[in-house]
Amino acid sequence: MPLATYQRLRRDVLLRSILAFTMGAALVSCTDRAEPVVIGLTMSLQKEGSAPMVRGARLAAEELNAQGGVAGHRIQLLERDDYADDDSAVRSATELYASKAVAVVGNAYSELTLVTAPIFNGGAHPLAQVSPSASNPAITDAGPYTFRVCAT
């Protein structure tokens, strides 16, 4: 498969994932329409391998906002760099869990997705976590709110 086609497919999957979560969050939200729907983004923001996913998430938010958002709510990305290491990933996940995020896109790598899944799946208000690129089959069983969209 040509690289451009692969990158376009990954962007489309990311766009659809963000759209699905934001629509669900906006529909059940009882907040003021002026308040944005916050979507967390956690991955290595500086690594070249994550760059297409970061750009895809930013583009998705930009395109949705240009169309009026979702149910009148603007999309706000809350970005946290996991620096592709376990400790930073846990810190990023903890920050996003404590934020106003209603869902999270990330982590980019299977190991980090598995390390952060207990954070997103735990507590009083679990967050849906969608990894656009992690492929370890163990992610399927990492928790009821952790998803992977990359086949193995």
C-alpha atoms as a PDB file:
ATOM      1  CA  MET A   1       0.000   0.000   0.000  1.00  0.00           C
ATOM      2  CA  PRO A   2       1.467   3.413  -0.908  1.00  0.00           C
ATOM      3  CA  LEU A   3       2.491   5.574   2.041  1.00  0.00           C
ATOM      4  CA  ALA A   4       0.078   8.376   1.114  1.00  0.00           C
ATOM      5  CA  THR A   5      -2.867   5.946   1.062  1.00  0.00           C
ATOM      6  CA  TYR A   6      -1.806   4.467   4.402  1.00  0.00           C
ATOM      7  CA  GLN A   7      -1.527   7.914   5.999  1.00  0.00           C
ATOM      8  CA  ARG A   8      -4.931   8.923   4.598  1.00  0.00           C
ATOM      9  CA  LEU A   9      -6.512   5.741   6.013  1.00  0.00           C
ATOM     10  CA  ARG A  10      -4.959   6.376   9.432  1.00  0.00           C
ATOM     11  CA  ARG A  11      -6.224   9.966   9.378  1.00  0.00           C
ATOM     12  CA  ASP A  12      -9.718   8.788   8.435  1.00  0.00           C
ATOM     13  CA  VAL A  13      -9.765   6.255  11.272  1.00  0.00           C
ATOM     14  CA  LEU A  14      -8.606   8.919  13.712  1.00  0.00           C
ATOM     15  CA  LEU A  15     -11.206  11.395  12.447  1.00  0.00           C
ATOM     16  CA  ARG A  16     -13.983   8.839  12.800  1.00  0.00           C
ATOM     17  CA  SER A  17     -12.841   7.865  16.297  1.00  0.00           C
ATOM     18  CA  ILE A  18     -12.742  11.449  17.476  1.00  0.00           C
ATOM     19  CA  LEU A  19     -16.095  12.164  15.864  1.00  0.00           C
ATOM     20  CA  ALA A  20     -17.740   9.150  17.501  1.00  0.00           C
ATOM     21  CA  PHE A  21     -16.500  10.078  20.955  1.00  0.00           C
ATOM     22  CA  THR A  22     -17.264  13.757  20.651  1.00  0.00           C
ATOM     23  CA  MET A  23     -20.760  13.119  19.361  1.00  0.00           C
ATOM     24  CA  GLY A  24     -21.487  10.838  22.283  1.00  0.00           C
ATOM     25  CA  ALA A  25     -19.997  13.274  24.741  1.00  0.00           C
ATOM     26  CA  ALA A  26     -21.839  16.251  23.283  1.00  0.00           C
ATOM     27  CA  LEU A  27     -25.164  14.436  23.216  1.00  0.00           C
ATOM     28  CA  VAL A  28     -25.009  13.537  26.897  1.00  0.00           C
ATOM     29  CA  SER A  29     -23.463  16.804  27.971  1.00  0.00           C
ATOM     30  CA  CYS A  30     -25.609  19.050  30.123  1.00  0.00           C
ATOM     31  CA  THR A  31     -23.206  21.937  29.916  1.00  0.00           C
ATOM     32  CA  ASP A  32     -23.561  25.316  28.294  1.00  0.00           C
ATOM     33  CA  ARG A  33     -23.251  25.146  24.499  1.00  0.00           C
ATOM     34  CA  ALA A  34     -20.375  27.612  24.677  1.00  0.00           C
ATOM     35  CA  GLU A  35     -18.290  25.125  26.649  1.00  0.00           C
ATOM     36  CA  PRO A  36     -16.041  23.004  24.399  1.00  0.00           C
ATOM     37  CA  VAL A  37     -15.861  19.236  24.356  1.00  0.00           C
ATOM     38  CA  VAL A  38     -12.332  18.415  25.484  1.00  0.00           C
ATOM     39  CA  ILE A  39     -10.552  15.486  23.836  1.00  0.00           C
ATOM     40  CA  GLY A  40      -7.216  14.422  25.266  1.00  0.00           C
ATOM     41  CA  LEU A  41      -4.342  13.595  22.945  1.00  0.00           C
ATOM     42  CA  THR A  42      -1.429  11.713  24.473  1.00  0.00           C
ATOM     43  CA  MET A  43       1.469  10.469  22.427  1.00  0.00           C
ATOM     44  CA  SER A  44       5.007  11.425  21.591  1.00  0.00           C
ATOM     45  CA  LEU A  45       4.446  14.870  20.117  1.00  0.00           C
ATOM     46  CA  GLN A  46       8.058  15.144  18.899  1.00  0.00           C
ATOM     47  CA  LYS A  47       8.685  11.722  17.349  1.00  0.00           C
ATOM     48  CA  GLU A  48       8.345  11.383  13.607  1.00  0.00           C
ATOM     49  CA  GLY A  49       6.341   8.157  13.916  1.00  0.00           C
ATOM     50  CA  SER A  50       3.580   9.938  15.817  1.00  0.00           C
ATOM     51  CA  ALA A  51       3.514  13.027  13.602  1.00  0.00           C
ATOM     52  CA  PRO A  52       0.759  11.829  11.203  1.00  0.00           C
ATOM     53  CA  MET A  53      -1.515  10.964  14.138  1.00  0.00           C
ATOM     54  CA  VAL A  54      -0.900  14.285  15.884  1.00  0.00           C
ATOM     55  CA  ARG A  55      -1.538  16.199  12.655  1.00  0.00           C
ATOM     56  CA  GLY A  56      -4.636  14.068  11.995  1.00  0.00           C
ATOM     57  CA  ALA A  57      -6.088  14.827  15.427  1.00  0.00           C
ATOM     58  CA  ARG A  58      -5.426  18.540  15.032  1.00  0.00           C
ATOM     59  CA  LEU A  59      -6.936  18.518  11.548  1.00  0.00           C
ATOM     60  CA  ALA A  60      -9.999  16.612  12.754  1.00  0.00           C
ATOM     61  CA  ALA A  61     -10.638  19.153  15.497  1.00  0.00           C
ATOM     62  CA  GLU A  62     -10.084  22.025  13.070  1.00  0.00           C
ATOM     63  CA  GLU A  63     -12.464  20.553  10.466  1.00  0.00           C
ATOM     64  CA  LEU A  64     -15.165  19.771  13.009  1.00  0.00           C
ATOM     65  CA  ASN A  65     -14.918  23.248  14.509  1.00  0.00           C
ATOM     66  CA  ALA A  66     -15.108  24.828  11.049  1.00  0.00           C
ATOM     67  CA  GLN A  67     -18.438  23.004  10.619  1.00  0.00           C
ATOM     68  CA  GLY A  68     -19.772  24.369  13.903  1.00  0.00           C
ATOM     69  CA  GLY A  69     -18.419  21.682  16.191  1.00  0.00           C
ATOM     70  CA  VAL A  70     -20.549  18.779  17.389  1.00  0.00           C
ATOM     71  CA  ALA A  71     -24.073  19.620  18.518  1.00  0.00           C
ATOM     72  CA  GLY A  72     -22.943  23.235  18.857  1.00  0.00           C
ATOM     73  CA  HIS A  73     -19.889  22.410  20.982  1.00  0.00           C
ATOM     74  CA  ARG A  74     -16.413  23.267  19.746  1.00  0.00           C
ATOM     75  CA  ILE A  75     -13.759  20.549  19.998  1.00  0.00           C
ATOM     76  CA  GLN A  76     -10.735  21.391  22.120  1.00  0.00           C
ATOM     77  CA  LEU A  77      -7.678  19.148  21.991  1.00  0.00           C
ATOM     78  CA  LEU A  78      -5.773  18.881  25.239  1.00  0.00           C
ATOM     79  CA  GLU A  79      -2.326  17.638  24.181  1.00  0.00           C
ATOM     80  CA  ARG A  80       0.102  15.879  26.492  1.00  0.00           C
ATOM     81  CA  ASP A  81       3.485  14.528  25.388  1.00  0.00           C
ATOM     82  CA  ASP A  82       4.234  11.015  26.618  1.00  0.00           C
ATOM     83  CA  TYR A  83       7.795  11.222  25.235  1.00  0.00           C
ATOM     84  CA  ALA A  84       7.418   7.540  24.260  1.00  0.00           C
ATOM     85  CA  ASP A  85       8.366   6.389  27.767  1.00  0.00           C
ATOM     86  CA  ASP A  86       6.385   4.736  30.548  1.00  0.00           C
ATOM     87  CA  ASP A  87       6.855   7.334  33.289  1.00  0.00           C
ATOM     88  CA  SER A  88       5.862  10.247  31.073  1.00  0.00           C
ATOM     89  CA  ALA A  89       2.915   8.271  29.706  1.00  0.00           C
ATOM     90  CA  VAL A  90       1.609   7.630  33.224  1.00  0.00           C
ATOM     91  CA  ARG A  91       2.043  11.314  34.103  1.00  0.00           C
ATOM     92  CA  SER A  92       0.229  12.393  30.909  1.00  0.00           C
ATOM     93  CA  ALA A  93      -2.592   9.916  31.500  1.00  0.00           C
ATOM     94  CA  THR A  94      -3.003  11.076  35.100  1.00  0.00           C
ATOM     95  CA  GLU A  95      -3.188  14.712  33.979  1.00  0.00           C
ATOM     96  CA  LEU A  96      -5.751  13.925  31.286  1.00  0.00           C
ATOM     97  CA  TYR A  97      -7.824  11.812  33.672  1.00  0.00           C
ATOM     98  CA  ALA A  98      -7.973  14.746  36.102  1.00  0.00           C
ATOM     99  CA  SER A  99      -8.883  17.213  33.336  1.00  0.00           C
ATOM    100  CA  LYS A 100     -12.197  17.966  31.640  1.00  0.00           C
ATOM    101  CA  ALA A 101     -11.413  15.504  28.828  1.00  0.00           C
ATOM    102  CA  VAL A 102     -14.301  13.215  27.893  1.00  0.00           C
ATOM    103  CA  ALA A 103     -12.147  10.845  25.800  1.00  0.00           C
ATOM    104  CA  VAL A 104      -8.504  10.320  24.902  1.00  0.00           C
ATOM    105  CA  VAL A 105      -6.736   9.556  21.646  1.00  0.00           C
ATOM    106  CA  GLY A 106      -3.503   7.695  22.373  1.00  0.00           C
ATOM    107  CA  ASN A 107      -1.092   6.301  23.119  1.00  0.00           C
ATOM    108  CA  ALA A 108       0.700   5.634  19.868  1.00  0.00           C
ATOM    109  CA  TYR A 109       2.596   2.558  21.050  1.00  0.00           C
ATOM    110  CA  SER A 110       1.207  -0.688  22.448  1.00  0.00           C
ATOM    111  CA  GLU A 111       3.406  -0.736  25.554  1.00  0.00           C
ATOM    112  CA  LEU A 112       2.308   2.765  26.565  1.00  0.00           C
ATOM    113  CA  THR A 113      -1.341   2.026  25.810  1.00  0.00           C
ATOM    114  CA  LEU A 114      -1.178  -0.984  28.127  1.00  0.00           C
ATOM    115  CA  VAL A 115       0.601   1.037  30.837  1.00  0.00           C
ATOM    116  CA  THR A 116      -1.992   3.837  30.769  1.00  0.00           C
ATOM    117  CA  ALA A 117      -5.147   1.728  30.317  1.00  0.00           C
ATOM    118  CA  PRO A 118      -5.629   1.161  34.085  1.00  0.00           C
ATOM    119  CA  ILE A 119      -5.644   4.928  34.623  1.00  0.00           C
ATOM    120  CA  PHE A 120      -8.255   5.613  31.956  1.00  0.00           C
ATOM    121  CA  ASN A 121     -10.382   2.604  32.955  1.00  0.00           C
ATOM    122  CA  GLY A 122     -10.266   3.259  36.688  1.00  0.00           C
ATOM    123  CA  GLY A 123     -11.849   5.605  39.152  1.00  0.00           C
ATOM    124  CA  ALA A 124     -15.261   7.174  39.274  1.00  0.00           C
ATOM    125  CA  HIS A 125     -15.303   8.477  35.703  1.00  0.00           C
ATOM    126  CA  PRO A 126     -13.435   6.251  33.240  1.00  0.00           C
ATOM    127  CA  LEU A 127     -12.361   7.833  29.958  1.00  0.00           C
ATOM    128  CA  ALA A 128     -12.597   6.148  26.577  1.00  0.00           C
ATOM    129  CA  GLN A 129      -9.079   5.621  25.264  1.00  0.00           C
ATOM    130  CA  VAL A 130      -8.591   4.980  21.543  1.00  0.00           C
ATOM    131  CA  SER A 131      -5.158   4.175  20.215  1.00  0.00           C
ATOM    132  CA  PRO A 132      -4.885   4.826  16.487  1.00  0.00           C
ATOM    133  CA  SER A 133      -1.752   2.704  16.065  1.00  0.00           C
ATOM    134  CA  ALA A 134      -1.146   0.305  18.965  1.00  0.00           C
ATOM    135  CA  SER A 135      -1.575  -3.263  17.762  1.00  0.00           C
ATOM    136  CA  ASN A 136      -0.856  -5.617  20.664  1.00  0.00           C
ATOM    137  CA  PRO A 137      -3.837  -8.005  20.993  1.00  0.00           C
ATOM    138  CA  ALA A 138      -3.631  -7.623  24.801  1.00  0.00           C
ATOM    139  CA  ILE A 139      -5.085  -4.116  24.367  1.00  0.00           C
ATOM    140  CA  THR A 140      -8.426  -5.729  23.533  1.00  0.00           C
ATOM    141  CA  ASP A 141      -8.590  -6.964  27.134  1.00  0.00           C
ATOM    142  CA  ALA A 142      -6.907  -3.952  28.781  1.00  0.00           C
ATOM    143  CA  GLY A 143     -10.226  -2.577  29.980  1.00  0.00           C
ATOM    144  CA  PRO A 144     -13.765  -1.867  28.806  1.00  0.00           C
ATOM    145  CA  TYR A 145     -12.890   1.723  27.837  1.00  0.00           C
ATOM    146  CA  THR A 146      -9.632   1.030  25.957  1.00  0.00           C
ATOM    147  CA  PHE A 147      -9.788   0.433  22.212  1.00  0.00           C
ATOM    148  CA  ARG A 148      -7.365  -0.127  19.361  1.00  0.00           C
ATOM    149  CA  VAL A 149      -8.206   0.510  15.735  1.00  0.00           C
ATOM    150  CA  CYS A 150      -5.058  -1.050  14.266  1.00  0.00           C
ATOM    151  CA  ALA A 151      -5.370  -4.702  13.392  1.00  0.00           C
ATOM    152  CA  THR A 152      -2.619  -7.201  14.159  1.00  0.00           C
END
